[in-house]
């Protein structure tokens, strides 16, 4: 038999029987998904992706859907970190109970949110604090730069997006100058969110900055690239901290050229500046994430890092705690603390989020709050930065609007704020989007703040945002063209894995 005949025979076998190995691969992958015992909705979503995107779907699952190795790693890491936190909690117990007793007369049952964060060993409630609300980059960055320039001992940066643009390079220049002055600068940025900066890390390291790429994405680790550090944190000298939704990029500063052009997208976002005991807690969570990287560990117990002496500078009247998301964490405290606050609301709940793909628990909480007599308002962007996520978000709204949730679509630009206010007493400001990724997959953080002044300011901003929004009702959604609603429903099928 000549070579041509051999190839012809092989081709006939492949043509007639190719489906056998393909079927084996498909059955094996689907079996792996089922064995993982995920949320049933998420399981079905991945199976649909694999079936309706032949070959490509399996590739997407391999790179972004597998949970075995990294989930095991993160669960082990979470147990280790929980043990460290438990040891610290034992020493703080008397202060924690005193703080909880003190805040109860001010906020009543909403005090249970702080009790929840304490009992789950997520974050101790702190009282000696000063909180400043920062609307957009225009308010954040002047104070941010001032804090950096004032550094005397250390600067800790943890950011999802850090662009090498005008504001980014100004910050890098300050950091380099501070290193020359003998100040320790530790900086970690997410590899997926800041790929350009990570590729340029040599110049930062050469300048003396302790720079780390958080969970670096390499070809050998593509299957683990689903887990991202979405936090945005700055800590200076253990005295001042920043947390919220505003990344380091020019686009967050609406009056900075070229972003002052009227044709450029307006970015609406929110962060807070913290001073007092809450900064110590923020420092602890920076330290825990720093320990995941290859960076040299520092002694968290040194007074320059954890400093309770500064509490005397602030009145004991503002309680701050934190809700967190960490992959492998058995307690999704960011989501659950929000749900608890919403259910406890007596009068008003106001929510801003750029992405709304809520868990069933979160949807139920909104419906319960409305049924119990609270007014629930939700602001979303009229046009998002991801078509699939935007359309999927819209598909969740009709039953909520039918139950009484008021929905507004922000038209001035892109609303990127991740905030919630409860009655006149409680505020959430952080990095947590209302979606599966922020609730269960990413590293996320939200500051939980008891402050009538901060809540009042946020409510006033909410009213201004509504003025730049259009009301969406169940009726107007039904009048939306059928093809648009159908597309939203299709996008919703992917919601569990977005």
Protein backbone atom coordinates (compact mmCIF):
# COMPACT_ATOMS: atom_id res chain seq x y z
CA UNK A 1 0.00 0.00 0.00
CA UNK A 2 1.47 3.34 -1.06
CA UNK A 3 1.58 6.50 1.08
CA UNK A 4 -1.38 8.09 -0.74
CA UNK A 5 -3.53 5.06 0.06
CA UNK A 6 -2.49 5.17 3.72
CA UNK A 7 -3.46 8.85 4.03
CA UNK A 8 -6.74 8.14 2.22
CA UNK A 9 -7.55 5.34 4.66
CA UNK A 10 -6.68 7.51 7.66
CA UNK A 11 -8.82 10.34 6.31
CA UNK A 12 -11.78 8.01 5.88
CA UNK A 13 -11.43 6.78 9.46
CA UNK A 14 -11.18 10.34 10.80
CA UNK A 15 -14.12 11.53 8.68
CA UNK A 16 -16.35 8.68 9.81
CA UNK A 17 -15.29 8.38 13.43
CA UNK A 18 -14.07 11.87 14.49
CA UNK A 19 -17.14 12.28 16.66
CA UNK A 20 -16.00 9.51 19.01
CA UNK A 21 -13.00 11.35 20.59
CA UNK A 22 -14.93 14.62 20.43
CA UNK A 23 -17.81 13.03 22.31
CA UNK A 24 -15.39 11.59 24.88
CA UNK A 25 -13.87 15.03 25.46
CA UNK A 26 -17.30 16.65 25.80
CA UNK A 27 -18.59 13.99 28.20
CA UNK A 28 -15.38 14.20 30.27
CA UNK A 29 -15.50 17.99 30.56
CA UNK A 30 -19.21 18.01 31.44
CA UNK A 31 -18.60 15.27 34.02
CA UNK A 32 -15.83 17.40 35.55
CA UNK A 33 -18.21 20.34 35.84
CA UNK A 34 -20.87 18.17 37.48
CA UNK A 35 -18.36 16.63 39.91
CA UNK A 36 -17.39 20.12 41.14
CA UNK A 37 -20.89 20.46 42.69
CA UNK A 38 -21.17 24.16 41.90
CA UNK A 39 -24.27 26.25 42.11
CA UNK A 40 -26.73 24.48 39.72
CA UNK A 41 -27.33 27.67 37.75
CA UNK A 42 -23.62 28.14 37.21
CA UNK A 43 -23.23 24.49 36.24
CA UNK A 44 -25.95 24.77 33.60
CA UNK A 45 -24.42 28.00 32.27
CA UNK A 46 -21.02 26.37 31.71
CA UNK A 47 -22.61 23.33 30.05
CA UNK A 48 -24.53 25.63 27.68
CA UNK A 49 -21.31 27.48 26.80
CA UNK A 50 -19.56 24.19 26.00
CA UNK A 51 -22.45 22.84 23.93
CA UNK A 52 -23.29 25.97 21.93
CA UNK A 53 -19.69 27.11 21.38
CA UNK A 54 -18.04 23.98 20.00
CA UNK A 55 -14.32 23.71 20.76
CA UNK A 56 -14.19 27.40 21.76
CA UNK A 57 -16.45 26.71 24.74
CA UNK A 58 -14.12 24.00 26.03
CA UNK A 59 -11.19 26.40 25.67
CA UNK A 60 -13.03 29.11 27.60
CA UNK A 61 -13.86 26.63 30.37
CA UNK A 62 -10.29 25.36 30.56
CA UNK A 63 -8.82 28.84 30.92
CA UNK A 64 -11.48 30.51 33.07
CA UNK A 65 -13.88 27.95 34.49
CA UNK A 66 -11.87 25.34 36.36
CA UNK A 67 -11.92 25.63 40.12
CA UNK A 68 -10.10 22.60 41.43
CA UNK A 69 -6.51 23.67 42.09
CA UNK A 70 -7.00 27.33 42.86
CA UNK A 71 -10.13 26.77 44.93
CA UNK A 72 -8.28 24.25 47.08
CA UNK A 73 -5.36 26.67 47.44
CA UNK A 74 -7.59 29.59 48.41
CA UNK A 75 -9.60 27.52 50.88
CA UNK A 76 -6.37 26.46 52.57
CA UNK A 77 -5.15 30.05 52.53
CA UNK A 78 -8.45 31.25 53.97
CA UNK A 79 -8.21 28.78 56.87
CA UNK A 80 -4.71 30.04 57.64
CA UNK A 81 -5.81 33.67 57.53
CA UNK A 82 -8.89 32.96 59.62
CA UNK A 83 -6.66 31.45 62.31
CA UNK A 84 -4.53 34.61 62.34
CA UNK A 85 -7.63 36.78 62.60
CA UNK A 86 -9.12 34.63 65.36
CA UNK A 87 -6.02 35.16 67.49
CA UNK A 88 -6.31 38.93 67.06
CA UNK A 89 -10.06 38.90 67.77
CA UNK A 90 -9.52 37.38 71.20
CA UNK A 91 -7.46 40.41 72.24
CA UNK A 92 -9.95 42.87 70.76
CA UNK A 93 -13.11 41.29 72.22
CA UNK A 94 -13.63 43.81 75.09
CA UNK A 95 -13.24 46.82 72.75
CA UNK A 96 -15.51 45.26 70.14
CA UNK A 97 -18.36 44.68 72.59
CA UNK A 98 -17.99 48.19 73.97
CA UNK A 99 -18.19 49.63 70.44
CA UNK A 100 -21.28 47.57 69.61
CA UNK A 101 -23.02 48.67 72.80
CA UNK A 102 -22.18 52.29 72.09
CA UNK A 103 -23.53 52.35 68.54
CA UNK A 104 -26.81 50.53 69.23
CA UNK A 105 -28.75 53.59 70.52
CA UNK A 106 -27.85 55.42 67.28
CA UNK A 107 -28.83 52.83 64.67
CA UNK A 108 -30.92 50.23 66.48
CA UNK A 109 -31.19 46.87 64.69
CA UNK A 110 -28.78 47.96 61.96
CA UNK A 111 -26.21 47.27 64.65
CA UNK A 112 -26.63 43.62 63.62
CA UNK A 113 -24.61 44.30 60.46
CA UNK A 114 -21.57 45.08 62.59
CA UNK A 115 -22.31 42.11 64.86
CA UNK A 116 -22.41 39.90 61.79
CA UNK A 117 -19.01 41.15 60.55
CA UNK A 118 -17.61 40.56 64.02
CA UNK A 119 -19.07 37.08 64.61
CA UNK A 120 -17.87 35.86 61.19
CA UNK A 121 -14.34 37.12 61.97
CA UNK A 122 -14.48 39.33 58.92
CA UNK A 123 -13.73 42.74 60.39
CA UNK A 124 -13.82 44.16 63.92
CA UNK A 125 -16.07 47.22 64.29
CA UNK A 126 -13.98 50.31 65.10
CA UNK A 127 -15.20 53.58 66.61
CA UNK A 128 -12.40 56.16 66.65
CA UNK A 129 -12.69 57.25 63.02
CA UNK A 130 -13.02 60.17 60.67
CA UNK A 131 -14.62 59.50 57.26
CA UNK A 132 -14.60 61.85 54.28
CA UNK A 133 -16.78 61.12 51.26
CA UNK A 134 -15.06 61.61 47.90
CA UNK A 135 -17.16 62.03 44.76
CA UNK A 136 -15.30 61.28 41.52
CA UNK A 137 -11.59 61.59 40.89
CA UNK A 138 -11.84 65.39 41.12
CA UNK A 139 -12.32 65.08 44.89
CA UNK A 140 -10.25 61.97 45.49
CA UNK A 141 -6.94 62.64 43.80
CA UNK A 142 -5.99 66.00 45.38
CA UNK A 143 -6.29 64.40 48.84
CA UNK A 144 -4.70 61.19 47.54
CA UNK A 145 -1.62 63.07 46.29
CA UNK A 146 -1.47 65.13 49.48
CA UNK A 147 -1.46 61.94 51.56
CA UNK A 148 1.37 60.47 49.46
CA UNK A 149 3.47 63.61 49.80
CA UNK A 150 2.97 63.60 53.58
CA UNK A 151 4.30 60.03 54.01
CA UNK A 152 7.01 59.69 56.66
CA UNK A 153 7.36 55.92 57.13
CA UNK A 154 5.53 53.81 54.53
CA UNK A 155 3.11 53.80 51.62
CA UNK A 156 0.99 50.76 50.77
CA UNK A 157 -0.85 50.63 47.44
CA UNK A 158 -3.18 47.84 46.27
CA UNK A 159 -5.00 48.58 43.00
CA UNK A 160 -6.85 46.75 40.27
CA UNK A 161 -6.21 49.37 37.56
CA UNK A 162 -3.14 51.62 37.63
CA UNK A 163 -2.59 53.42 34.34
CA UNK A 164 0.65 55.09 33.26
CA UNK A 165 -1.13 58.27 32.22
CA UNK A 166 -1.00 61.80 33.65
CA UNK A 167 -2.29 60.99 37.14
CA UNK A 168 -0.57 57.60 37.20
CA UNK A 169 2.83 59.01 36.31
CA UNK A 170 2.44 61.81 38.84
CA UNK A 171 1.82 59.20 41.53
CA UNK A 172 4.80 57.12 40.36
CA UNK A 173 7.03 60.22 40.53
CA UNK A 174 5.97 60.83 44.13
CA UNK A 175 6.56 57.19 45.04
CA UNK A 176 10.06 57.26 43.54
CA UNK A 177 10.87 60.48 45.41
CA UNK A 178 9.63 58.99 48.66
CA UNK A 179 11.82 55.90 48.20
CA UNK A 180 14.84 58.19 47.78
CA UNK A 181 13.85 59.88 51.03
CA UNK A 182 14.05 56.52 52.84
CA UNK A 183 10.33 55.74 52.95
CA UNK A 184 9.22 52.17 52.30
CA UNK A 185 6.83 51.85 49.35
CA UNK A 186 4.98 48.57 48.82
CA UNK A 187 2.84 48.35 45.73
CA UNK A 188 0.78 45.49 44.30
CA UNK A 189 -1.45 45.69 41.26
CA UNK A 190 -3.58 43.11 39.55
CA UNK A 191 -2.03 41.54 36.48
CA UNK A 192 -5.28 41.47 34.52
CA UNK A 193 -6.29 45.02 35.44
CA UNK A 194 -2.87 46.65 34.99
CA UNK A 195 -0.97 44.66 32.36
CA UNK A 196 1.05 47.61 31.02
CA UNK A 197 2.33 48.64 34.43
CA UNK A 198 3.23 45.05 35.25
CA UNK A 199 5.28 44.79 32.06
CA UNK A 200 7.12 47.94 33.13
CA UNK A 201 7.74 46.80 36.68
CA UNK A 202 11.53 46.69 36.22
CA UNK A 203 11.78 50.48 36.29
CA UNK A 204 9.70 50.55 39.48
CA UNK A 205 11.85 47.90 41.14
CA UNK A 206 15.02 49.66 39.96
CA UNK A 207 13.67 52.82 41.61
CA UNK A 208 13.47 50.95 44.92
CA UNK A 209 9.73 50.30 45.05
CA UNK A 210 8.72 46.93 46.50
CA UNK A 211 6.50 46.04 43.55
CA UNK A 212 4.43 42.88 43.21
CA UNK A 213 2.12 41.60 40.50
CA UNK A 214 -0.89 40.05 42.20
CA UNK A 215 -1.72 36.57 40.84
CA UNK A 216 0.36 36.96 37.67
CA UNK A 217 -1.25 35.57 34.52
CA UNK A 218 1.14 33.30 32.63
CA UNK A 219 0.48 30.64 30.02
CA UNK A 220 0.97 27.96 32.66
CA UNK A 221 -1.55 29.68 34.97
CA UNK A 222 -4.25 30.76 32.50
CA UNK A 223 -6.70 28.37 34.12
CA UNK A 224 -6.31 30.33 37.36
CA UNK A 225 -6.70 33.78 35.78
CA UNK A 226 -10.37 33.95 36.77
CA UNK A 227 -9.44 35.13 40.28
CA UNK A 228 -8.65 38.83 40.30
CA UNK A 229 -7.76 41.42 42.94
CA UNK A 230 -10.38 44.13 42.33
CA UNK A 231 -9.57 46.16 45.47
CA UNK A 232 -8.45 49.80 45.43
CA UNK A 233 -6.59 50.66 48.63
CA UNK A 234 -4.01 53.23 49.74
CA UNK A 235 -2.55 53.34 53.26
CA UNK A 236 -0.06 56.00 54.34
CA UNK A 237 1.87 55.66 57.62
CA UNK A 238 -0.98 53.61 59.10
CA UNK A 239 -2.80 56.90 59.66
CA UNK A 240 -4.82 57.57 56.52
CA UNK A 241 -6.50 55.17 54.12
CA UNK A 242 -8.47 55.33 50.89
CA UNK A 243 -10.93 52.73 49.64
CA UNK A 244 -13.68 52.77 47.01
CA UNK A 245 -14.40 52.30 43.33
CA UNK A 246 -12.01 54.86 41.82
CA UNK A 247 -9.02 53.32 40.07
CA UNK A 248 -5.85 55.23 39.19
CA UNK A 249 -6.52 56.55 35.69
CA UNK A 250 -7.17 59.92 34.06
CA UNK A 251 -10.67 58.94 32.97
CA UNK A 252 -11.85 59.16 36.58
CA UNK A 253 -10.97 62.88 36.65
CA UNK A 254 -13.63 64.59 34.59
CA UNK A 255 -11.96 68.01 34.45
CA UNK A 256 -8.50 66.77 33.46
CA UNK A 257 -7.60 67.23 29.76
CA UNK A 258 -8.38 65.49 27.50
CA UNK A 259 -11.24 64.25 29.65
CA UNK A 260 -12.77 67.72 29.96
CA UNK A 261 -14.06 67.45 26.39
CA UNK A 262 -17.86 67.43 26.34
CA UNK A 263 -17.87 64.47 23.98
CA UNK A 264 -15.87 62.33 26.40
CA UNK A 265 -17.64 59.89 28.71
CA UNK A 266 -18.33 61.30 32.18
CA UNK A 267 -17.31 58.94 35.01
CA UNK A 268 -19.34 59.01 38.24
CA UNK A 269 -17.68 57.18 41.09
CA UNK A 270 -17.30 57.21 44.86
CA UNK A 271 -14.52 56.58 47.38
CA UNK A 272 -13.84 57.45 51.01
CA UNK A 273 -10.82 58.68 52.93
CA UNK A 274 -10.45 57.11 56.36
CA UNK A 275 -8.51 58.16 59.42
CA UNK A 276 -8.45 56.39 62.78
CA UNK A 277 -8.77 52.79 63.93
CA UNK A 278 -10.37 51.64 60.66
CA UNK A 279 -7.00 52.21 58.94
CA UNK A 280 -5.50 49.55 61.21
CA UNK A 281 -8.04 47.03 59.91
CA UNK A 282 -7.37 48.11 56.33
CA UNK A 283 -3.67 47.61 57.00
CA UNK A 284 -4.32 44.09 58.20
CA UNK A 285 -6.06 43.16 54.96
CA UNK A 286 -3.30 44.71 52.86
CA UNK A 287 -0.82 42.60 54.84
CA UNK A 288 -2.83 39.43 54.22
CA UNK A 289 -2.90 40.01 50.45
CA UNK A 290 0.77 41.03 50.42
CA UNK A 291 1.53 37.65 52.02
CA UNK A 292 0.05 35.93 48.94
CA UNK A 293 2.64 37.59 46.70
CA UNK A 294 6.39 37.02 46.63
CA UNK A 295 6.97 40.28 48.48
CA UNK A 296 9.05 40.27 51.66
CA UNK A 297 6.74 40.23 54.66
CA UNK A 298 6.82 43.05 57.17
CA UNK A 299 6.06 42.92 60.88
CA UNK A 300 2.45 44.01 61.17
CA UNK A 301 2.83 44.48 64.93
CA UNK A 302 5.28 47.36 64.63
CA UNK A 303 3.67 50.56 65.85
CA UNK A 304 4.29 52.30 62.51
CA UNK A 305 1.89 49.84 60.86
CA UNK A 306 -0.75 49.27 63.55
CA UNK A 307 -1.05 52.41 65.60
CA UNK A 308 -3.78 52.82 68.19
CA UNK A 309 -2.24 56.00 69.57
CA UNK A 310 -3.87 58.02 66.78
CA UNK A 311 -7.36 57.16 68.09
CA UNK A 312 -7.12 60.06 70.54
CA UNK A 313 -7.22 62.47 67.60
CA UNK A 314 -10.76 61.46 66.64
CA UNK A 315 -14.09 61.52 68.40
CA UNK A 316 -15.56 58.16 69.21
CA UNK A 317 -18.70 58.56 67.14
CA UNK A 318 -18.18 56.95 63.73
CA UNK A 319 -18.20 53.16 63.45
CA UNK A 320 -16.43 51.59 60.45
CA UNK A 321 -16.06 47.96 59.51
CA UNK A 322 -15.45 46.09 56.25
CA UNK A 323 -17.20 43.43 54.20
CA UNK A 324 -14.94 41.24 52.10
CA UNK A 325 -14.89 38.80 49.23
CA UNK A 326 -12.04 36.34 49.02
CA UNK A 327 -12.00 33.26 46.77
CA UNK A 328 -12.17 30.17 48.93
CA UNK A 329 -13.89 32.06 51.75
CA UNK A 330 -16.85 30.10 53.06
CA UNK A 331 -18.49 33.35 54.21
CA UNK A 332 -19.24 35.86 51.41
CA UNK A 333 -19.38 38.67 53.94
CA UNK A 334 -19.55 41.54 51.43
CA UNK A 335 -22.77 40.19 49.95
CA UNK A 336 -24.27 38.93 53.20
CA UNK A 337 -23.59 42.15 55.11
CA UNK A 338 -25.37 44.07 52.34
CA UNK A 339 -28.32 41.67 52.37
CA UNK A 340 -28.61 41.98 56.14
CA UNK A 341 -28.60 45.78 56.00
CA UNK A 342 -31.23 45.82 53.22
CA UNK A 343 -33.55 43.47 55.10
CA UNK A 344 -33.21 45.55 58.28
CA UNK A 345 -34.05 48.81 56.46
CA UNK A 346 -37.15 50.56 57.78
CA UNK A 347 -37.44 53.55 55.46
CA UNK A 348 -35.06 53.80 52.52
CA UNK A 349 -32.45 51.88 50.54
CA UNK A 350 -30.45 53.60 47.80
CA UNK A 351 -28.11 51.59 45.58
CA UNK A 352 -25.63 52.53 42.84
CA UNK A 353 -23.89 49.85 40.81
CA UNK A 354 -22.40 49.64 37.31
CA UNK A 355 -23.20 45.93 36.99
CA UNK A 356 -26.35 44.28 38.28
CA UNK A 357 -26.32 40.49 38.04
CA UNK A 358 -27.53 39.74 41.56
CA UNK A 359 -27.60 36.45 43.40
CA UNK A 360 -31.01 35.00 44.25
CA UNK A 361 -30.41 35.97 47.87
CA UNK A 362 -29.77 39.59 46.96
CA UNK A 363 -32.87 39.80 44.75
CA UNK A 364 -34.96 38.34 47.55
CA UNK A 365 -33.57 40.89 50.00
CA UNK A 366 -34.66 43.78 47.75
CA UNK A 367 -38.15 42.32 47.41
CA UNK A 368 -38.44 41.72 51.14
CA UNK A 369 -37.34 45.27 51.91
CA UNK A 370 -40.01 46.72 49.59
CA UNK A 371 -42.70 44.40 50.94
CA UNK A 372 -41.78 45.43 54.49
CA UNK A 373 -42.37 49.09 53.63
CA UNK A 374 -38.96 50.45 52.70
CA UNK A 375 -38.43 52.55 49.59
CA UNK A 376 -35.79 50.90 47.40
CA UNK A 377 -34.11 52.90 44.62
CA UNK A 378 -31.52 51.52 42.21
CA UNK A 379 -29.31 53.45 39.76
CA UNK A 380 -27.59 51.66 36.87
CA UNK A 381 -25.78 53.04 33.83
CA UNK A 382 -27.98 53.58 30.77
CA UNK A 383 -25.03 52.40 28.69
CA UNK A 384 -22.48 50.08 30.21
CA UNK A 385 -18.91 49.30 29.21
CA UNK A 386 -19.81 45.68 28.41
CA UNK A 387 -22.72 44.94 26.08
CA UNK A 388 -23.36 41.42 27.38
CA UNK A 389 -23.19 42.44 31.06
CA UNK A 390 -25.38 45.50 30.44
CA UNK A 391 -28.08 43.49 28.67
CA UNK A 392 -27.90 40.71 31.25
CA UNK A 393 -28.37 43.34 33.98
CA UNK A 394 -31.54 44.65 32.35
CA UNK A 395 -33.05 41.17 32.27
CA UNK A 396 -33.14 41.01 36.08
CA UNK A 397 -35.12 44.22 36.59
CA UNK A 398 -38.71 43.48 35.57
CA UNK A 399 -39.74 41.35 38.61
CA UNK A 400 -38.06 43.83 40.94
CA UNK A 401 -39.87 46.79 39.38
CA UNK A 402 -43.15 44.90 39.58
CA UNK A 403 -42.58 44.50 43.32
CA UNK A 404 -41.92 48.21 43.77
CA UNK A 405 -38.18 48.74 43.32
CA UNK A 406 -37.57 52.04 41.51
CA UNK A 407 -34.94 51.75 38.78
CA UNK A 408 -33.09 54.66 37.17
CA UNK A 409 -30.72 54.53 34.20
CA UNK A 410 -27.89 57.06 34.49
CA UNK A 411 -27.51 58.98 31.21
CA UNK A 412 -24.87 61.63 31.97
CA UNK A 413 -22.07 59.12 31.49
CA UNK A 414 -20.98 55.89 33.12
CA UNK A 415 -21.86 55.42 36.79
CA UNK A 416 -19.12 53.26 38.27
CA UNK A 417 -19.94 53.86 41.96
CA UNK A 418 -20.56 50.80 44.15
CA UNK A 419 -22.55 52.24 47.04
CA UNK A 420 -25.55 51.51 49.26
CA UNK A 421 -27.19 53.65 51.92
CA UNK A 422 -29.63 52.25 54.48
CA UNK A 423 -32.13 54.64 56.11
CA UNK A 424 -30.21 57.63 57.48
CA UNK A 425 -27.58 55.60 59.32
CA UNK A 426 -25.55 53.11 57.31
CA UNK A 427 -23.42 53.36 54.16
CA UNK A 428 -21.48 50.88 52.04
CA UNK A 429 -18.68 52.27 49.85
CA UNK A 430 -16.21 49.99 48.14
CA UNK A 431 -15.25 47.88 45.15
CA UNK A 432 -18.11 45.38 45.24
CA UNK A 433 -20.27 45.22 42.12
CA UNK A 434 -23.63 43.50 42.49
CA UNK A 435 -22.67 40.44 40.51
CA UNK A 436 -21.43 36.89 40.90
CA UNK A 437 -17.79 37.85 40.34
CA UNK A 438 -17.72 40.45 43.13
CA UNK A 439 -19.80 38.32 45.50
CA UNK A 440 -17.84 35.08 45.19
CA UNK A 441 -14.77 35.16 42.92
CA UNK A 442 -12.66 38.33 43.18
CA UNK A 443 -10.79 39.87 46.08
CA UNK A 444 -13.15 42.72 47.01
CA UNK A 445 -13.74 45.10 49.90
CA UNK A 446 -16.49 47.47 50.99
CA UNK A 447 -16.33 49.90 53.90
CA UNK A 448 -19.42 49.69 56.13
CA UNK A 449 -19.88 53.10 57.73
CA UNK A 450 -22.21 54.30 60.48
CA UNK A 451 -22.39 58.05 60.02
CA UNK A 452 -25.43 60.27 59.58
CA UNK A 453 -23.26 62.93 57.91
CA UNK A 454 -21.76 60.56 55.34
CA UNK A 455 -25.15 59.03 54.61
CA UNK A 456 -26.70 62.48 54.21
CA UNK A 457 -24.02 63.47 51.70
CA UNK A 458 -24.48 60.24 49.78
CA UNK A 459 -28.26 60.71 49.68
CA UNK A 460 -27.83 64.24 48.35
CA UNK A 461 -25.52 62.91 45.64
CA UNK A 462 -28.06 60.19 44.87
CA UNK A 463 -30.71 62.84 44.23
CA UNK A 464 -28.31 64.66 41.87
CA UNK A 465 -27.63 61.38 40.07
CA UNK A 466 -31.35 60.75 39.61
CA UNK A 467 -31.62 64.16 37.96
CA UNK A 468 -29.14 62.83 35.38
CA UNK A 469 -31.06 59.58 34.91
CA UNK A 470 -34.22 58.25 33.29
CA UNK A 471 -36.78 56.16 35.17
CA UNK A 472 -37.26 52.62 33.91
CA UNK A 473 -40.55 50.92 34.77
CA UNK A 474 -41.97 47.49 34.12
CA UNK A 475 -44.28 49.05 31.55
CA UNK A 476 -41.52 50.86 29.67
CA UNK A 477 -39.43 47.69 29.68
CA UNK A 478 -42.31 45.76 28.10
CA UNK A 479 -42.50 48.45 25.42
CA UNK A 480 -38.84 47.85 24.58
CA UNK A 481 -38.49 46.12 21.18
CA UNK A 482 -38.88 42.37 21.44
CA UNK A 483 -35.47 41.65 19.89
CA UNK A 484 -33.82 43.75 22.65
CA UNK A 485 -35.62 41.88 25.43
CA UNK A 486 -34.83 38.56 23.74
CA UNK A 487 -31.14 39.45 23.51
CA UNK A 488 -31.14 40.45 27.20
CA UNK A 489 -32.66 37.08 28.09
CA UNK A 490 -29.97 35.27 26.10
CA UNK A 491 -27.25 37.27 27.84
CA UNK A 492 -28.81 36.36 31.16
CA UNK A 493 -28.00 32.68 30.51
CA UNK A 494 -24.33 33.66 30.83
CA UNK A 495 -24.92 35.68 34.01
CA UNK A 496 -23.61 33.05 36.45
CA UNK A 497 -20.18 33.01 34.76
CA UNK A 498 -19.79 36.71 33.88
